[in-house]
Amino acid sequence: MTNLMFIKVLKMIMILGITLIIIGVFLHFSPAVQAMGVSGILLSAFFVAFGMILSLPTKIYLTFLLMKNESEKH
C-alpha cells in the first residue's frame, strides 16, 4: 500500500469517526432514544465513543506525517 493510499484510508476512517460522533449527538437529543431510557443513553454514548476511537488516532498520525514531511523539506 502506497503512502498516498494509506493517507486516503486514514482520512476516510477519520470522516467515519466524525460522522459517528455526529450521529451519537443527534441520537442523544432524539425523543425516541430518550424514551428508551438508559438503553438509549448507552446507544448514543456508544456511537460517540466509537467515533472518538476512530477519529483521534488518525488525526495524530496525520499530524506526525505532516511534521515529518515539513522537516524533510527544510
PDB file of N, CA and C in Angstrom:
ATOM      1  N   MET A   1       0.855  -1.172   0.000  1.00  0.00           N
ATOM      2  CA  MET A   1       0.000   0.000   0.000  1.00  0.00           C
ATOM      3  C   MET A   1       0.902   1.237   0.000  1.00  0.00           C
ATOM      4  N   THR A   2       0.630   2.118  -0.925  1.00  0.00           N
ATOM      5  CA  THR A   2       1.442   3.324  -1.016  1.00  0.00           C
ATOM      6  C   THR A   2       1.075   4.306   0.095  1.00  0.00           C
ATOM      7  N   ASN A   3       1.933   5.282   0.277  1.00  0.00           N
ATOM      8  CA  ASN A   3       1.733   6.274   1.325  1.00  0.00           C
ATOM      9  C   ASN A   3       0.475   7.107   1.070  1.00  0.00           C
ATOM     10  N   LEU A   4       0.238   7.481  -0.194  1.00  0.00           N
ATOM     11  CA  LEU A   4      -0.961   8.274  -0.517  1.00  0.00           C
ATOM     12  C   LEU A   4      -2.232   7.474  -0.290  1.00  0.00           C
ATOM     13  N   MET A   5      -2.193   6.185  -0.621  1.00  0.00           N
ATOM     14  CA  MET A   5      -3.365   5.332  -0.405  1.00  0.00           C
ATOM     15  C   MET A   5      -3.642   5.186   1.091  1.00  0.00           C
ATOM     16  N   PHE A   6      -2.568   5.043   1.869  1.00  0.00           N
ATOM     17  CA  PHE A   6      -2.704   4.922   3.318  1.00  0.00           C
ATOM     18  C   PHE A   6      -3.306   6.183   3.921  1.00  0.00           C
ATOM     19  N   ILE A   7      -2.885   7.339   3.433  1.00  0.00           N
ATOM     20  CA  ILE A   7      -3.436   8.605   3.914  1.00  0.00           C
ATOM     21  C   ILE A   7      -4.911   8.724   3.559  1.00  0.00           C
ATOM     22  N   LYS A   8      -5.290   8.290   2.360  1.00  0.00           N
ATOM     23  CA  LYS A   8      -6.704   8.335   1.974  1.00  0.00           C
ATOM     24  C   LYS A   8      -7.552   7.433   2.865  1.00  0.00           C
ATOM     25  N   VAL A   9      -7.029   6.252   3.195  1.00  0.00           N
ATOM     26  CA  VAL A   9      -7.754   5.345   4.081  1.00  0.00           C
ATOM     27  C   VAL A   9      -7.901   5.968   5.468  1.00  0.00           C
ATOM     28  N   LEU A  10      -6.834   6.590   5.977  1.00  0.00           N
ATOM     29  CA  LEU A  10      -6.910   7.241   7.283  1.00  0.00           C
ATOM     30  C   LEU A  10      -7.911   8.394   7.277  1.00  0.00           C
ATOM     31  N   LYS A  11      -7.941   9.151   6.197  1.00  0.00           N
ATOM     32  CA  LYS A  11      -8.907  10.248   6.108  1.00  0.00           C
ATOM     33  C   LYS A  11     -10.337   9.714   6.081  1.00  0.00           C
ATOM     34  N   MET A  12     -10.561   8.607   5.390  1.00  0.00           N
ATOM     35  CA  MET A  12     -11.904   8.015   5.363  1.00  0.00           C
ATOM     36  C   MET A  12     -12.304   7.511   6.748  1.00  0.00           C
ATOM     37  N   ILE A  13     -11.347   6.915   7.478  1.00  0.00           N
ATOM     38  CA  ILE A  13     -11.635   6.462   8.840  1.00  0.00           C
ATOM     39  C   ILE A  13     -11.948   7.654   9.741  1.00  0.00           C
ATOM     40  N   MET A  14     -11.218   8.758   9.564  1.00  0.00           N
ATOM     41  CA  MET A  14     -11.452   9.954  10.361  1.00  0.00           C
ATOM     42  C   MET A  14     -12.843  10.534  10.061  1.00  0.00           C
ATOM     43  N   ILE A  15     -13.225  10.567   8.804  1.00  0.00           N
ATOM     44  CA  ILE A  15     -14.548  11.070   8.432  1.00  0.00           C
ATOM     45  C   ILE A  15     -15.640  10.168   8.996  1.00  0.00           C
ATOM     46  N   LEU A  16     -15.418   8.843   8.956  1.00  0.00           N
ATOM     47  CA  LEU A  16     -16.373   7.915   9.544  1.00  0.00           C
ATOM     48  C   LEU A  16     -16.506   8.152  11.042  1.00  0.00           C
ATOM     49  N   GLY A  17     -15.394   8.394  11.719  1.00  0.00           N
ATOM     50  CA  GLY A  17     -15.431   8.664  13.154  1.00  0.00           C
ATOM     51  C   GLY A  17     -16.195   9.932  13.481  1.00  0.00           C
ATOM     52  N   ILE A  18     -15.946  10.986  12.723  1.00  0.00           N
ATOM     53  CA  ILE A  18     -16.664  12.241  12.953  1.00  0.00           C
ATOM     54  C   ILE A  18     -18.151  12.072  12.676  1.00  0.00           C
ATOM     55  N   THR A  19     -18.480  11.296  11.652  1.00  0.00           N
ATOM     56  CA  THR A  19     -19.881  11.024  11.347  1.00  0.00           C
ATOM     57  C   THR A  19     -20.553  10.265  12.483  1.00  0.00           C
ATOM     58  N   LEU A  20     -19.863   9.281  13.051  1.00  0.00           N
ATOM     59  CA  LEU A  20     -20.428   8.541  14.181  1.00  0.00           C
ATOM     60  C   LEU A  20     -20.631   9.428  15.399  1.00  0.00           C
ATOM     61  N   ILE A  21     -19.717  10.376  15.623  1.00  0.00           N
ATOM     62  CA  ILE A  21     -19.889  11.316  16.735  1.00  0.00           C
ATOM     63  C   ILE A  21     -21.134  12.170  16.516  1.00  0.00           C
ATOM     64  N   ILE A  22     -21.318  12.654  15.302  1.00  0.00           N
ATOM     65  CA  ILE A  22     -22.499  13.476  14.996  1.00  0.00           C
ATOM     66  C   ILE A  22     -23.783  12.664  15.159  1.00  0.00           C
ATOM     67  N   ILE A  23     -23.765  11.415  14.707  1.00  0.00           N
ATOM     68  CA  ILE A  23     -24.940  10.556  14.869  1.00  0.00           C
ATOM     69  C   ILE A  23     -25.227  10.331  16.349  1.00  0.00           C
ATOM     70  N   GLY A  24     -24.182  10.118  17.146  1.00  0.00           N
ATOM     71  CA  GLY A  24     -24.370   9.914  18.578  1.00  0.00           C
ATOM     72  C   GLY A  24     -24.978  11.126  19.267  1.00  0.00           C
ATOM     73  N   VAL A  25     -24.527  12.313  18.895  1.00  0.00           N
ATOM     74  CA  VAL A  25     -25.095  13.537  19.476  1.00  0.00           C
ATOM     75  C   VAL A  25     -26.550  13.707  19.034  1.00  0.00           C
ATOM     76  N   PHE A  26     -26.813  13.428  17.759  1.00  0.00           N
ATOM     77  CA  PHE A  26     -28.191  13.509  17.268  1.00  0.00           C
ATOM     78  C   PHE A  26     -29.086  12.515  18.010  1.00  0.00           C
ATOM     79  N   LEU A  27     -28.590  11.301  18.215  1.00  0.00           N
ATOM     80  CA  LEU A  27     -29.384  10.295  18.933  1.00  0.00           C
ATOM     81  C   LEU A  27     -29.619  10.695  20.378  1.00  0.00           C
ATOM     82  N   HIS A  28     -28.649  11.346  20.992  1.00  0.00           N
ATOM     83  CA  HIS A  28     -28.785  11.736  22.395  1.00  0.00           C
ATOM     84  C   HIS A  28     -29.967  12.684  22.602  1.00  0.00           C
ATOM     85  N   PHE A  29     -30.210  13.553  21.627  1.00  0.00           N
ATOM     86  CA  PHE A  29     -31.305  14.511  21.757  1.00  0.00           C
ATOM     87  C   PHE A  29     -32.575  14.056  21.047  1.00  0.00           C
ATOM     88  N   SER A  30     -32.581  12.859  20.500  1.00  0.00           N
ATOM     89  CA  SER A  30     -33.746  12.333  19.801  1.00  0.00           C
ATOM     90  C   SER A  30     -34.802  11.886  20.816  1.00  0.00           C
ATOM     91  N   PRO A  31     -36.059  12.248  20.587  1.00  0.00           N
ATOM     92  CA  PRO A  31     -37.114  11.837  21.531  1.00  0.00           C
ATOM     93  C   PRO A  31     -37.281  10.316  21.617  1.00  0.00           C
ATOM     94  N   ALA A  32     -37.075   9.624  20.511  1.00  0.00           N
ATOM     95  CA  ALA A  32     -37.228   8.167  20.531  1.00  0.00           C
ATOM     96  C   ALA A  32     -36.177   7.515  21.418  1.00  0.00           C
ATOM     97  N   VAL A  33     -34.952   8.013  21.347  1.00  0.00           N
ATOM     98  CA  VAL A  33     -33.873   7.453  22.168  1.00  0.00           C
ATOM     99  C   VAL A  33     -34.063   7.853  23.622  1.00  0.00           C
ATOM    100  N   GLN A  34     -34.560   9.059  23.868  1.00  0.00           N
ATOM    101  CA  GLN A  34     -34.820   9.486  25.245  1.00  0.00           C
ATOM    102  C   GLN A  34     -35.903   8.624  25.872  1.00  0.00           C
ATOM    103  N   ALA A  35     -36.850   8.174  25.061  1.00  0.00           N
ATOM    104  CA  ALA A  35     -37.905   7.309  25.575  1.00  0.00           C
ATOM    105  C   ALA A  35     -37.369   5.922  25.935  1.00  0.00           C
ATOM    106  N   MET A  36     -36.242   5.542  25.361  1.00  0.00           N
ATOM    107  CA  MET A  36     -35.642   4.242  25.668  1.00  0.00           C
ATOM    108  C   MET A  36     -34.996   4.213  27.047  1.00  0.00           C
ATOM    109  N   GLY A  37     -34.727   5.387  27.606  1.00  0.00           N
ATOM    110  CA  GLY A  37     -34.144   5.465  28.941  1.00  0.00           C
ATOM    111  C   GLY A  37     -32.650   5.206  28.919  1.00  0.00           C
ATOM    112  N   VAL A  38     -32.206   4.371  29.833  1.00  0.00           N
ATOM    113  CA  VAL A  38     -30.775   4.101  29.975  1.00  0.00           C
ATOM    114  C   VAL A  38     -30.217   3.420  28.732  1.00  0.00           C
ATOM    115  N   SER A  39     -30.992   2.556  28.121  1.00  0.00           N
ATOM    116  CA  SER A  39     -30.528   1.882  26.897  1.00  0.00           C
ATOM    117  C   SER A  39     -30.267   2.890  25.784  1.00  0.00           C
ATOM    118  N   GLY A  40     -31.091   3.901  25.687  1.00  0.00           N
ATOM    119  CA  GLY A  40     -30.885   4.943  24.687  1.00  0.00           C
ATOM    120  C   GLY A  40     -29.636   5.762  24.959  1.00  0.00           C
ATOM    121  N   ILE A  41     -29.393   6.044  26.230  1.00  0.00           N
ATOM    122  CA  ILE A  41     -28.181   6.782  26.590  1.00  0.00           C
ATOM    123  C   ILE A  41     -26.950   5.961  26.244  1.00  0.00           C
ATOM    124  N   LEU A  42     -27.001   4.663  26.535  1.00  0.00           N
ATOM    125  CA  LEU A  42     -25.873   3.795  26.206  1.00  0.00           C
ATOM    126  C   LEU A  42     -25.668   3.705  24.698  1.00  0.00           C
ATOM    127  N   LEU A  43     -26.741   3.682  23.938  1.00  0.00           N
ATOM    128  CA  LEU A  43     -26.642   3.620  22.483  1.00  0.00           C
ATOM    129  C   LEU A  43     -25.973   4.878  21.936  1.00  0.00           C
ATOM    130  N   SER A  44     -26.423   6.044  22.382  1.00  0.00           N
ATOM    131  CA  SER A  44     -25.820   7.282  21.889  1.00  0.00           C
ATOM    132  C   SER A  44     -24.374   7.418  22.372  1.00  0.00           C
ATOM    133  N   ALA A  45     -24.094   6.982  23.599  1.00  0.00           N
ATOM    134  CA  ALA A  45     -22.724   7.034  24.107  1.00  0.00           C
ATOM    135  C   ALA A  45     -21.811   6.095  23.328  1.00  0.00           C
ATOM    136  N   PHE A  46     -22.326   4.946  22.901  1.00  0.00           N
ATOM    137  CA  PHE A  46     -21.536   4.023  22.097  1.00  0.00           C
ATOM    138  C   PHE A  46     -21.125   4.658  20.780  1.00  0.00           C
ATOM    139  N   PHE A  47     -22.065   5.333  20.115  1.00  0.00           N
ATOM    140  CA  PHE A  47     -21.743   5.989  18.847  1.00  0.00           C
ATOM    141  C   PHE A  47     -20.669   7.058  19.032  1.00  0.00           C
ATOM    142  N   VAL A  48     -20.814   7.874  20.076  1.00  0.00           N
ATOM    143  CA  VAL A  48     -19.833   8.933  20.311  1.00  0.00           C
ATOM    144  C   VAL A  48     -18.470   8.337  20.663  1.00  0.00           C
ATOM    145  N   ALA A  49     -18.450   7.335  21.532  1.00  0.00           N
ATOM    146  CA  ALA A  49     -17.177   6.735  21.952  1.00  0.00           C
ATOM    147  C   ALA A  49     -16.479   6.041  20.784  1.00  0.00           C
ATOM    148  N   PHE A  50     -17.221   5.287  19.994  1.00  0.00           N
ATOM    149  CA  PHE A  50     -16.606   4.585  18.867  1.00  0.00           C
ATOM    150  C   PHE A  50     -16.122   5.585  17.812  1.00  0.00           C
ATOM    151  N   GLY A  51     -16.868   6.672  17.635  1.00  0.00           N
ATOM    152  CA  GLY A  51     -16.432   7.715  16.717  1.00  0.00           C
ATOM    153  C   GLY A  51     -15.149   8.370  17.176  1.00  0.00           C
ATOM    154  N   MET A  52     -15.013   8.591  18.492  1.00  0.00           N
ATOM    155  CA  MET A  52     -13.774   9.169  19.026  1.00  0.00           C
ATOM    156  C   MET A  52     -12.610   8.209  18.852  1.00  0.00           C
ATOM    157  N   ILE A  53     -12.867   6.923  19.080  1.00  0.00           N
ATOM    158  CA  ILE A  53     -11.808   5.924  18.919  1.00  0.00           C
ATOM    159  C   ILE A  53     -11.306   5.918  17.481  1.00  0.00           C
ATOM    160  N   LEU A  54     -12.210   6.073  16.530  1.00  0.00           N
ATOM    161  CA  LEU A  54     -11.799   6.063  15.128  1.00  0.00           C
ATOM    162  C   LEU A  54     -11.128   7.362  14.696  1.00  0.00           C
ATOM    163  N   SER A  55     -11.582   8.489  15.210  1.00  0.00           N
ATOM    164  CA  SER A  55     -11.102   9.759  14.665  1.00  0.00           C
ATOM    165  C   SER A  55      -9.801  10.263  15.297  1.00  0.00           C
ATOM    166  N   LEU A  56      -9.592  10.062  16.576  1.00  0.00           N
ATOM    167  CA  LEU A  56      -8.427  10.662  17.228  1.00  0.00           C
ATOM    168  C   LEU A  56      -7.080  10.082  16.802  1.00  0.00           C
ATOM    169  N   PRO A  57      -6.883   8.774  16.784  1.00  0.00           N
ATOM    170  CA  PRO A  57      -5.559   8.265  16.385  1.00  0.00           C
ATOM    171  C   PRO A  57      -5.184   8.625  14.948  1.00  0.00           C
ATOM    172  N   THR A  58      -6.156   8.686  14.062  1.00  0.00           N
ATOM    173  CA  THR A  58      -5.837   9.036  12.680  1.00  0.00           C
ATOM    174  C   THR A  58      -5.390  10.489  12.576  1.00  0.00           C
ATOM    175  N   LYS A  59      -6.001  11.374  13.359  1.00  0.00           N
ATOM    176  CA  LYS A  59      -5.573  12.777  13.354  1.00  0.00           C
ATOM    177  C   LYS A  59      -4.139  12.904  13.862  1.00  0.00           C
ATOM    178  N   ILE A  60      -3.821  12.170  14.906  1.00  0.00           N
ATOM    179  CA  ILE A  60      -2.468  12.230  15.456  1.00  0.00           C
ATOM    180  C   ILE A  60      -1.467  11.714  14.436  1.00  0.00           C
ATOM    181  N   TYR A  61      -1.764  10.603  13.771  1.00  0.00           N
ATOM    182  CA  TYR A  61      -0.851  10.048  12.785  1.00  0.00           C
ATOM    183  C   TYR A  61      -0.661  11.009  11.612  1.00  0.00           C
ATOM    184  N   LEU A  62      -1.757  11.587  11.130  1.00  0.00           N
ATOM    185  CA  LEU A  62      -1.640  12.519  10.014  1.00  0.00           C
ATOM    186  C   LEU A  62      -0.847  13.766  10.406  1.00  0.00           C
ATOM    187  N   THR A  63      -0.969  14.208  11.654  1.00  0.00           N
ATOM    188  CA  THR A  63      -0.183  15.345  12.122  1.00  0.00           C
ATOM    189  C   THR A  63       1.298  15.008  12.140  1.00  0.00           C
ATOM    190  N   PHE A  64       1.649  13.828  12.651  1.00  0.00           N
ATOM    191  CA  PHE A  64       3.048  13.408  12.646  1.00  0.00           C
ATOM    192  C   PHE A  64       3.591  13.282  11.233  1.00  0.00           C
ATOM    193  N   LEU A  65       2.771  12.786  10.328  1.00  0.00           N
ATOM    194  CA  LEU A  65       3.189  12.649   8.935  1.00  0.00           C
ATOM    195  C   LEU A  65       3.445  14.016   8.311  1.00  0.00           C
ATOM    196  N   LEU A  66       2.583  14.982   8.592  1.00  0.00           N
ATOM    197  CA  LEU A  66       2.780  16.344   8.094  1.00  0.00           C
ATOM    198  C   LEU A  66       4.059  16.962   8.667  1.00  0.00           C
ATOM    199  N   MET A  67       4.295  16.755   9.955  1.00  0.00           N
ATOM    200  CA  MET A  67       5.500  17.297  10.579  1.00  0.00           C
ATOM    201  C   MET A  67       6.751  16.666   9.972  1.00  0.00           C
ATOM    202  N   LYS A  68       6.701  15.381   9.694  1.00  0.00           N
ATOM    203  CA  LYS A  68       7.835  14.690   9.089  1.00  0.00           C
ATOM    204  C   LYS A  68       8.108  15.235   7.679  1.00  0.00           C
ATOM    205  N   ASN A  69       7.054  15.438   6.903  1.00  0.00           N
ATOM    206  CA  ASN A  69       7.223  15.978   5.544  1.00  0.00           C
ATOM    207  C   ASN A  69       7.776  17.401   5.573  1.00  0.00           C
ATOM    208  N   GLU A  70       7.332  18.208   6.517  1.00  0.00           N
ATOM    209  CA  GLU A  70       7.839  19.583   6.634  1.00  0.00           C
ATOM    210  C   GLU A  70       9.307  19.594   7.041  1.00  0.00           C
ATOM    211  N   SER A  71       9.699  18.703   7.938  1.00  0.00           N
ATOM    212  CA  SER A  71      11.100  18.679   8.356  1.00  0.00           C
ATOM    213  C   SER A  71      12.007  18.171   7.241  1.00  0.00           C
ATOM    214  N   GLU A  72      11.499  17.291   6.383  1.00  0.00           N
ATOM    215  CA  GLU A  72      12.301  16.808   5.254  1.00  0.00           C
ATOM    216  C   GLU A  72      12.486  17.882   4.193  1.00  0.00           C
ATOM    217  N   LYS A  73      11.543  18.798   4.087  1.00  0.00           N
ATOM    218  CA  LYS A  73      11.661  19.882   3.091  1.00  0.00           C
ATOM    219  C   LYS A  73      12.754  20.856   3.491  1.00  0.00           C
ATOM    220  N   HIS A  74      12.989  21.044   4.790  1.00  0.00           N
ATOM    221  CA  HIS A  74      13.987  22.025   5.260  1.00  0.00           C
ATOM    222  C   HIS A  74      15.282  21.367   5.385  1.00  0.00           C
TER     223      HIS A  74
END
